Amino acid sequence: MRKKVLKLVVTFHTTADAMAMEKACKEAEVPGRLIPVPREISAGCGLAWCAPLSEREKLLVVMAEHGIEQEDLHECMLL
């Protein structure tokens, strides 16, 4: 059984921002993936970007460079 690990979860107001985040992170080779928003969090579009906590600064730079608006940043225990 896999253990839950503390992850960074970025939520978005729109699906377009979530999809733009996926594309921008792939281009910048920043690890992470789109996930459904965890139940503990309530977010606008229902999609979130999940990444290792160590990638926080890189994610903020990618979002700023691509004009991606985040709703919030969360630290959550996820598989």
N, C-alpha and C. Protein backbone atom coordinates (compact mmCIF):
# COMPACT_ATOMS: atom_id res chain seq x y z
N MET A 1 0.84 -1.19 0.00
CA MET A 1 0.00 0.00 0.00
C MET A 1 0.88 1.25 0.00
N ARG A 2 0.54 2.19 -0.85
CA ARG A 2 1.30 3.44 -0.91
C ARG A 2 0.98 4.32 0.29
N LYS A 3 1.99 5.05 0.74
CA LYS A 3 1.80 5.97 1.86
C LYS A 3 1.41 7.34 1.34
N LYS A 4 0.62 8.05 2.13
CA LYS A 4 0.29 9.43 1.79
C LYS A 4 1.51 10.30 2.06
N VAL A 5 1.71 11.29 1.19
CA VAL A 5 2.85 12.19 1.27
C VAL A 5 2.33 13.62 1.20
N LEU A 6 2.99 14.52 1.91
CA LEU A 6 2.60 15.92 1.87
C LEU A 6 2.95 16.49 0.50
N LYS A 7 1.96 17.02 -0.21
CA LYS A 7 2.13 17.55 -1.57
C LYS A 7 1.63 18.99 -1.62
N LEU A 8 2.09 19.71 -2.62
CA LEU A 8 1.60 21.05 -2.89
C LEU A 8 0.46 20.92 -3.90
N VAL A 9 -0.67 21.53 -3.60
CA VAL A 9 -1.83 21.48 -4.48
C VAL A 9 -2.21 22.92 -4.84
N VAL A 10 -2.17 23.21 -6.14
CA VAL A 10 -2.53 24.54 -6.64
C VAL A 10 -3.93 24.45 -7.23
N THR A 11 -4.83 25.28 -6.74
CA THR A 11 -6.19 25.30 -7.27
C THR A 11 -6.37 26.53 -8.17
N PHE A 12 -7.35 26.43 -9.06
CA PHE A 12 -7.57 27.46 -10.08
C PHE A 12 -9.05 27.87 -10.13
N HIS A 13 -9.28 29.09 -10.59
CA HIS A 13 -10.65 29.57 -10.79
C HIS A 13 -11.27 28.95 -12.04
N THR A 14 -10.43 28.71 -13.06
CA THR A 14 -10.97 28.23 -14.33
C THR A 14 -10.24 26.98 -14.82
N THR A 15 -10.93 26.19 -15.61
CA THR A 15 -10.34 25.01 -16.23
C THR A 15 -9.23 25.44 -17.19
N ALA A 16 -9.41 26.57 -17.85
CA ALA A 16 -8.40 27.07 -18.79
C ALA A 16 -7.06 27.30 -18.09
N ASP A 17 -7.09 27.86 -16.88
CA ASP A 17 -5.86 28.07 -16.12
C ASP A 17 -5.23 26.73 -15.72
N ALA A 18 -6.06 25.77 -15.35
CA ALA A 18 -5.54 24.44 -14.98
C ALA A 18 -4.85 23.79 -16.17
N MET A 19 -5.46 23.87 -17.34
CA MET A 19 -4.89 23.28 -18.54
C MET A 19 -3.62 24.03 -18.97
N ALA A 20 -3.62 25.35 -18.81
CA ALA A 20 -2.43 26.13 -19.13
C ALA A 20 -1.28 25.76 -18.20
N MET A 21 -1.60 25.48 -16.95
CA MET A 21 -0.58 25.07 -15.99
C MET A 21 0.06 23.74 -16.41
N GLU A 22 -0.77 22.80 -16.84
CA GLU A 22 -0.24 21.51 -17.28
C GLU A 22 0.72 21.71 -18.46
N LYS A 23 0.32 22.50 -19.43
CA LYS A 23 1.15 22.73 -20.61
C LYS A 23 2.45 23.45 -20.23
N ALA A 24 2.34 24.49 -19.42
CA ALA A 24 3.52 25.28 -19.03
C ALA A 24 4.51 24.45 -18.22
N CYS A 25 4.01 23.61 -17.33
CA CYS A 25 4.89 22.79 -16.50
C CYS A 25 5.59 21.72 -17.33
N LYS A 26 4.88 21.16 -18.30
CA LYS A 26 5.52 20.17 -19.18
C LYS A 26 6.64 20.83 -19.99
N GLU A 27 6.38 22.02 -20.52
CA GLU A 27 7.39 22.73 -21.30
C GLU A 27 8.60 23.09 -20.44
N ALA A 28 8.37 23.48 -19.18
CA ALA A 28 9.45 23.88 -18.27
C ALA A 28 10.05 22.70 -17.53
N GLU A 29 9.53 21.50 -17.79
CA GLU A 29 9.98 20.27 -17.13
C GLU A 29 9.89 20.35 -15.60
N VAL A 30 8.78 20.93 -15.13
CA VAL A 30 8.50 21.00 -13.70
C VAL A 30 7.56 19.83 -13.38
N PRO A 31 7.94 18.97 -12.44
CA PRO A 31 7.13 17.79 -12.16
C PRO A 31 5.76 18.15 -11.55
N GLY A 32 4.80 17.28 -11.81
CA GLY A 32 3.46 17.44 -11.26
C GLY A 32 2.44 16.86 -12.21
N ARG A 33 1.17 16.96 -11.80
CA ARG A 33 0.09 16.44 -12.64
C ARG A 33 -1.22 17.07 -12.25
N LEU A 34 -2.17 17.06 -13.19
CA LEU A 34 -3.52 17.53 -12.88
C LEU A 34 -4.25 16.45 -12.10
N ILE A 35 -4.99 16.87 -11.09
CA ILE A 35 -5.79 15.95 -10.28
C ILE A 35 -7.15 16.59 -10.03
N PRO A 36 -8.14 15.77 -9.69
CA PRO A 36 -9.39 16.36 -9.20
C PRO A 36 -9.10 17.04 -7.86
N VAL A 37 -9.76 18.14 -7.59
CA VAL A 37 -9.53 18.84 -6.33
C VAL A 37 -9.90 17.91 -5.16
N PRO A 38 -8.99 17.73 -4.20
CA PRO A 38 -9.31 16.89 -3.04
C PRO A 38 -10.53 17.41 -2.27
N ARG A 39 -11.24 16.51 -1.65
CA ARG A 39 -12.46 16.88 -0.93
C ARG A 39 -12.24 17.90 0.17
N GLU A 40 -11.06 17.87 0.78
CA GLU A 40 -10.77 18.80 1.89
C GLU A 40 -10.71 20.25 1.41
N ILE A 41 -10.54 20.40 0.11
CA ILE A 41 -10.39 21.75 -0.47
C ILE A 41 -11.61 22.03 -1.33
N SER A 42 -12.08 23.26 -1.29
CA SER A 42 -13.15 23.62 -2.22
C SER A 42 -12.55 24.61 -3.20
N ALA A 43 -12.68 24.31 -4.49
CA ALA A 43 -12.08 25.18 -5.51
C ALA A 43 -13.02 25.36 -6.69
N GLY A 44 -12.82 26.44 -7.40
CA GLY A 44 -13.69 26.84 -8.48
C GLY A 44 -13.90 25.83 -9.59
N CYS A 45 -12.82 25.38 -10.24
CA CYS A 45 -13.02 24.62 -11.48
C CYS A 45 -13.02 23.11 -11.29
N GLY A 46 -12.60 22.62 -10.13
CA GLY A 46 -12.60 21.17 -9.90
C GLY A 46 -11.31 20.47 -10.26
N LEU A 47 -10.37 21.19 -10.90
CA LEU A 47 -9.06 20.63 -11.23
C LEU A 47 -7.99 21.35 -10.44
N ALA A 48 -6.93 20.63 -10.11
CA ALA A 48 -5.81 21.21 -9.37
C ALA A 48 -4.51 20.63 -9.89
N TRP A 49 -3.41 21.34 -9.65
CA TRP A 49 -2.09 20.84 -10.01
C TRP A 49 -1.43 20.33 -8.74
N CYS A 50 -0.97 19.11 -8.78
CA CYS A 50 -0.34 18.47 -7.63
C CYS A 50 1.15 18.29 -7.94
N ALA A 51 2.00 18.74 -7.02
CA ALA A 51 3.45 18.66 -7.22
C ALA A 51 4.15 18.47 -5.88
N PRO A 52 5.40 18.03 -5.92
CA PRO A 52 6.17 17.93 -4.68
C PRO A 52 6.32 19.32 -4.04
N LEU A 53 6.36 19.36 -2.71
CA LEU A 53 6.51 20.63 -2.01
C LEU A 53 7.77 21.37 -2.45
N SER A 54 8.79 20.65 -2.79
CA SER A 54 10.08 21.25 -3.17
C SER A 54 9.99 22.07 -4.46
N GLU A 55 8.90 21.93 -5.20
CA GLU A 55 8.74 22.64 -6.47
C GLU A 55 7.98 23.95 -6.35
N ARG A 56 7.67 24.39 -5.14
CA ARG A 56 6.86 25.60 -4.92
C ARG A 56 7.40 26.81 -5.70
N GLU A 57 8.68 27.12 -5.54
CA GLU A 57 9.24 28.31 -6.19
C GLU A 57 9.20 28.20 -7.71
N LYS A 58 9.52 27.03 -8.25
CA LYS A 58 9.47 26.84 -9.70
C LYS A 58 8.05 27.04 -10.22
N LEU A 59 7.07 26.52 -9.48
CA LEU A 59 5.67 26.66 -9.90
C LEU A 59 5.26 28.13 -9.92
N LEU A 60 5.66 28.88 -8.90
CA LEU A 60 5.30 30.29 -8.85
C LEU A 60 5.92 31.05 -10.03
N VAL A 61 7.14 30.70 -10.39
CA VAL A 61 7.79 31.34 -11.53
C VAL A 61 7.06 31.00 -12.83
N VAL A 62 6.73 29.73 -13.02
CA VAL A 62 6.02 29.28 -14.23
C VAL A 62 4.68 30.01 -14.35
N MET A 63 3.94 30.10 -13.24
CA MET A 63 2.63 30.79 -13.29
C MET A 63 2.80 32.26 -13.63
N ALA A 64 3.81 32.91 -13.05
CA ALA A 64 4.04 34.33 -13.33
C ALA A 64 4.43 34.54 -14.79
N GLU A 65 5.30 33.69 -15.31
CA GLU A 65 5.77 33.84 -16.69
C GLU A 65 4.65 33.61 -17.71
N HIS A 66 3.68 32.76 -17.37
CA HIS A 66 2.62 32.42 -18.32
C HIS A 66 1.28 33.09 -18.00
N GLY A 67 1.26 33.95 -17.00
CA GLY A 67 0.02 34.66 -16.66
C GLY A 67 -1.08 33.75 -16.17
N ILE A 68 -0.71 32.69 -15.46
CA ILE A 68 -1.69 31.73 -14.93
C ILE A 68 -2.11 32.19 -13.54
N GLU A 69 -3.43 32.34 -13.36
CA GLU A 69 -3.95 32.78 -12.06
C GLU A 69 -4.30 31.58 -11.20
N GLN A 70 -3.70 31.53 -10.02
CA GLN A 70 -4.04 30.49 -9.07
C GLN A 70 -5.18 30.97 -8.18
N GLU A 71 -5.97 30.05 -7.71
CA GLU A 71 -6.97 30.39 -6.70
C GLU A 71 -6.30 30.36 -5.34
N ASP A 72 -5.53 29.28 -5.07
CA ASP A 72 -4.87 29.14 -3.79
C ASP A 72 -3.79 28.06 -3.88
N LEU A 73 -2.89 28.06 -2.90
CA LEU A 73 -1.89 27.00 -2.74
C LEU A 73 -2.19 26.27 -1.44
N HIS A 74 -2.19 24.95 -1.49
CA HIS A 74 -2.50 24.15 -0.30
C HIS A 74 -1.42 23.10 -0.11
N GLU A 75 -1.20 22.69 1.12
CA GLU A 75 -0.36 21.54 1.40
C GLU A 75 -1.28 20.45 1.92
N CYS A 76 -1.31 19.31 1.21
CA CYS A 76 -2.24 18.24 1.53
C CYS A 76 -1.53 16.88 1.55
N MET A 77 -2.02 15.99 2.37
CA MET A 77 -1.54 14.61 2.40
C MET A 77 -2.26 13.85 1.30
N LEU A 78 -1.49 13.40 0.29
CA LEU A 78 -2.07 12.69 -0.86
C LEU A 78 -1.24 11.46 -1.18
N LEU A 79 -1.84 10.53 -1.91
CA LEU A 79 -1.09 9.36 -2.38
C LEU A 79 -0.14 9.73 -3.48
